[in-house]
Protein backbone atom coordinates (compact mmCIF):
# COMPACT_ATOMS: atom_id res chain seq x y z
CA MET A 1 3.34 -37.64 75.30
CA THR A 2 1.84 -41.07 74.62
CA ASP A 3 2.58 -44.65 75.69
CA LYS A 4 1.44 -46.17 72.38
CA LEU A 5 4.07 -46.87 69.74
CA LEU A 6 3.10 -46.59 66.08
CA PRO A 7 4.02 -49.46 63.70
CA CYS A 8 7.61 -49.72 62.51
CA PRO A 9 8.32 -47.14 59.78
CA PHE A 10 10.60 -49.65 58.04
CA CYS A 11 8.70 -52.96 58.00
CA GLY A 12 5.21 -51.78 58.98
CA ARG A 13 4.76 -54.35 61.77
CA GLN A 14 3.31 -53.49 65.15
CA ASP A 15 5.93 -55.53 67.07
CA THR A 16 7.51 -52.49 68.71
CA GLY A 17 8.70 -51.64 72.21
CA THR A 18 11.22 -49.64 74.20
CA LYS A 19 14.45 -50.69 75.88
CA ALA A 20 17.14 -49.11 78.02
CA ILE A 21 20.57 -48.73 76.43
CA ASP A 22 23.95 -47.33 77.52
CA GLY A 23 23.09 -46.10 80.98
CA PRO A 24 20.12 -43.78 81.34
CA LEU A 25 19.12 -43.74 77.66
CA TYR A 26 16.10 -45.37 76.01
CA VAL A 27 15.19 -46.26 72.43
CA ALA A 28 12.03 -47.44 70.76
CA TRP A 29 12.66 -50.43 68.53
CA CYS A 30 11.06 -53.06 66.31
CA TYR A 31 11.25 -56.70 67.39
CA SER A 32 10.57 -57.85 63.81
CA CYS A 33 13.26 -56.05 61.81
CA GLY A 34 15.52 -54.64 64.54
CA ALA A 35 15.09 -50.96 63.59
CA GLU A 36 15.89 -48.56 66.45
CA GLY A 37 14.84 -44.99 67.10
CA SER A 38 17.19 -42.30 68.32
CA PRO A 39 18.28 -42.46 72.00
CA ARG A 40 16.33 -40.32 74.49
CA ARG A 41 16.53 -39.69 78.26
CA THR A 42 13.16 -41.35 79.02
CA GLY A 43 11.06 -44.11 77.53
CA GLY A 44 8.27 -41.59 76.86
CA GLN A 45 10.62 -39.34 74.90
CA ALA A 46 11.83 -42.37 72.91
CA ILE A 47 8.20 -43.22 72.06
CA ASP A 48 7.47 -39.63 70.98
CA ALA A 49 10.56 -39.57 68.73
CA TRP A 50 9.60 -42.92 67.17
CA ASN A 51 6.03 -41.81 66.52
CA LYS A 52 7.21 -38.65 64.72
CA ARG A 53 9.02 -40.70 62.04
CA ALA A 54 7.43 -41.06 58.62
CA GLN A 55 5.25 -44.16 58.40
CA PRO A 56 5.61 -46.68 55.56
CA THR A 57 3.78 -45.89 52.35
CA VAL A 58 3.29 -49.54 51.44
CA GLY A 59 0.26 -51.55 52.51
CA LYS A 60 0.19 -52.67 56.12
CA VAL A 61 2.22 -55.85 56.56
CA VAL A 62 -0.14 -58.64 57.55
CA ASP A 63 2.47 -61.34 57.96
CA ALA A 64 6.08 -62.13 57.18
CA GLN A 65 7.05 -65.65 56.16
CA TRP A 66 10.36 -67.40 55.55
CA TRP A 67 10.58 -69.91 52.71
CA LEU A 68 13.26 -72.16 51.27
CA ALA A 69 13.43 -71.21 47.59
CA GLU A 70 14.99 -73.11 44.71
CA VAL A 71 17.05 -70.73 42.55
CA ASP A 72 17.03 -71.29 38.77
CA GLN A 73 19.83 -70.52 36.30
CA TYR A 74 18.58 -66.91 35.99
CA GLY A 75 18.70 -66.28 39.73
CA THR A 76 14.94 -66.40 40.18
CA GLY A 77 13.77 -68.03 43.39
CA ARG A 78 10.69 -70.28 43.63
CA PRO A 79 9.38 -71.20 47.11
CA VAL A 80 9.54 -74.98 47.54
CA ASP A 81 8.49 -75.70 51.10
CA GLY A 82 5.83 -74.40 53.46
CA PRO A 83 5.98 -70.99 55.11
CA HIS A 84 7.93 -70.64 58.35
CA SER A 85 7.40 -67.97 60.99
CA GLU A 86 11.16 -67.64 61.52
CA ARG A 87 14.24 -67.98 59.32
CA ALA A 88 15.38 -70.96 61.40
CA GLY A 89 12.50 -72.97 59.93
CA ALA A 90 13.76 -72.44 56.37
CA ASP A 91 17.32 -73.26 57.48
CA LYS A 92 16.07 -76.54 58.98
CA ALA A 93 14.24 -77.29 55.72
CA MET A 94 17.56 -76.85 53.86
CA TYR A 95 19.22 -79.27 56.27
CA LEU A 96 16.46 -81.82 55.59
CA PHE A 97 16.69 -81.34 51.81
CA ASN A 98 20.45 -82.03 52.04
CA ALA A 99 20.06 -84.97 54.43
CA LEU A 100 17.43 -86.60 52.20
CA GLY A 101 19.42 -86.03 49.01
CA LEU A 102 16.80 -83.70 47.52
CA ALA A 103 19.19 -80.78 46.98
CA LYS A 104 21.69 -82.47 44.63
CA GLY A 105 22.53 -80.26 41.66
CA LYS A 106 20.20 -77.48 42.77
CA ARG A 107 20.77 -74.03 44.29
CA TYR A 108 18.68 -72.73 47.17
CA ALA A 109 18.19 -69.47 49.03
CA VAL A 110 16.09 -68.37 51.96
CA ALA A 111 13.37 -65.88 51.00
CA ARG A 112 11.54 -63.54 53.35
CA ILE A 113 8.10 -62.87 51.93
CA GLU A 114 5.95 -60.08 53.32
CA LEU A 115 2.21 -60.36 52.92
CA SER A 116 0.58 -56.95 52.94
CA GLU A 117 -2.86 -55.55 52.33
CA PRO A 118 -3.29 -54.73 48.65
CA LYS A 119 -3.90 -51.16 47.56
CA PRO A 120 -5.71 -51.45 44.23
CA SER A 121 -4.58 -48.81 41.74
CA ALA A 122 -5.98 -47.93 38.32
CA ASP A 123 -2.79 -46.12 37.30
CA GLY A 124 -1.75 -47.23 33.81
CA VAL A 125 -4.69 -49.63 33.42
CA ASN A 126 -6.24 -49.93 29.94
CA HIS A 127 -9.89 -49.24 30.82
CA GLU A 128 -11.05 -49.79 27.22
CA ALA A 129 -9.64 -53.32 27.32
CA ILE A 130 -11.43 -53.97 30.64
CA ALA A 131 -14.71 -52.78 29.11
CA GLU A 132 -14.21 -55.11 26.10
CA CYS A 133 -13.43 -58.06 28.37
CA ASN A 134 -16.52 -57.36 30.47
CA LYS A 135 -18.68 -57.24 27.30
CA ALA A 136 -17.25 -60.55 26.10
CA ARG A 137 -17.76 -62.13 29.52
CA ALA A 138 -21.37 -60.89 29.63
CA ALA A 139 -22.00 -62.27 26.14
CA MET A 140 -20.62 -65.67 27.15
CA SER A 141 -22.85 -65.87 30.22
CA ALA A 142 -26.04 -64.78 28.40
CA PRO A 143 -28.57 -67.60 27.79
CA GLU A 144 -28.47 -69.13 24.30
CA GLY A 145 -30.94 -67.85 21.74
CA GLY A 146 -31.00 -64.37 23.24
CA ALA A 147 -32.92 -63.17 26.23
C-alpha cells in the first residue's frame, strides 16, 4: 500500500487526493476534472484502487487554460482573449465583451485548452520530402560561389 496517488487517468493532472464519502467510505479523486475512483473502506485502499487504473496515453498535461473563443460560421472557435486559469475568467471576459459592445453580431464559446508535452512521431511522415527540404535549405545557406 502507498500514500502517493498517481496522476489522474482521465486528464493526466497530478491534482489528486482522497475524501470521505457516505459514512465510512473513501474515494480518490481529481481536483481538476472531478473524476472519482471506486469507494473503499480506507483511504489507503482508495489510493491503491486509483493507482491500479490505466494511465493516460497522451502526453503529460502541463497546463489547462480557459479561453473565450469567437465562433465562425463553420463552428470553428478562435481564442480571442488571454488564457485564464479557471472557467470563471473566460465567463468574465464574455461579460466585458458584452458590456463594451464588442460582441455584437458575433458568437462566442468558452474553450478549455490543454497544453501537454509533445510526443514526436514519424508515423506517416514523408522522409524523402524532408531530405529534399534539408538539401534545399543547405544549398540556400551555402556561401555564394561555392565553398
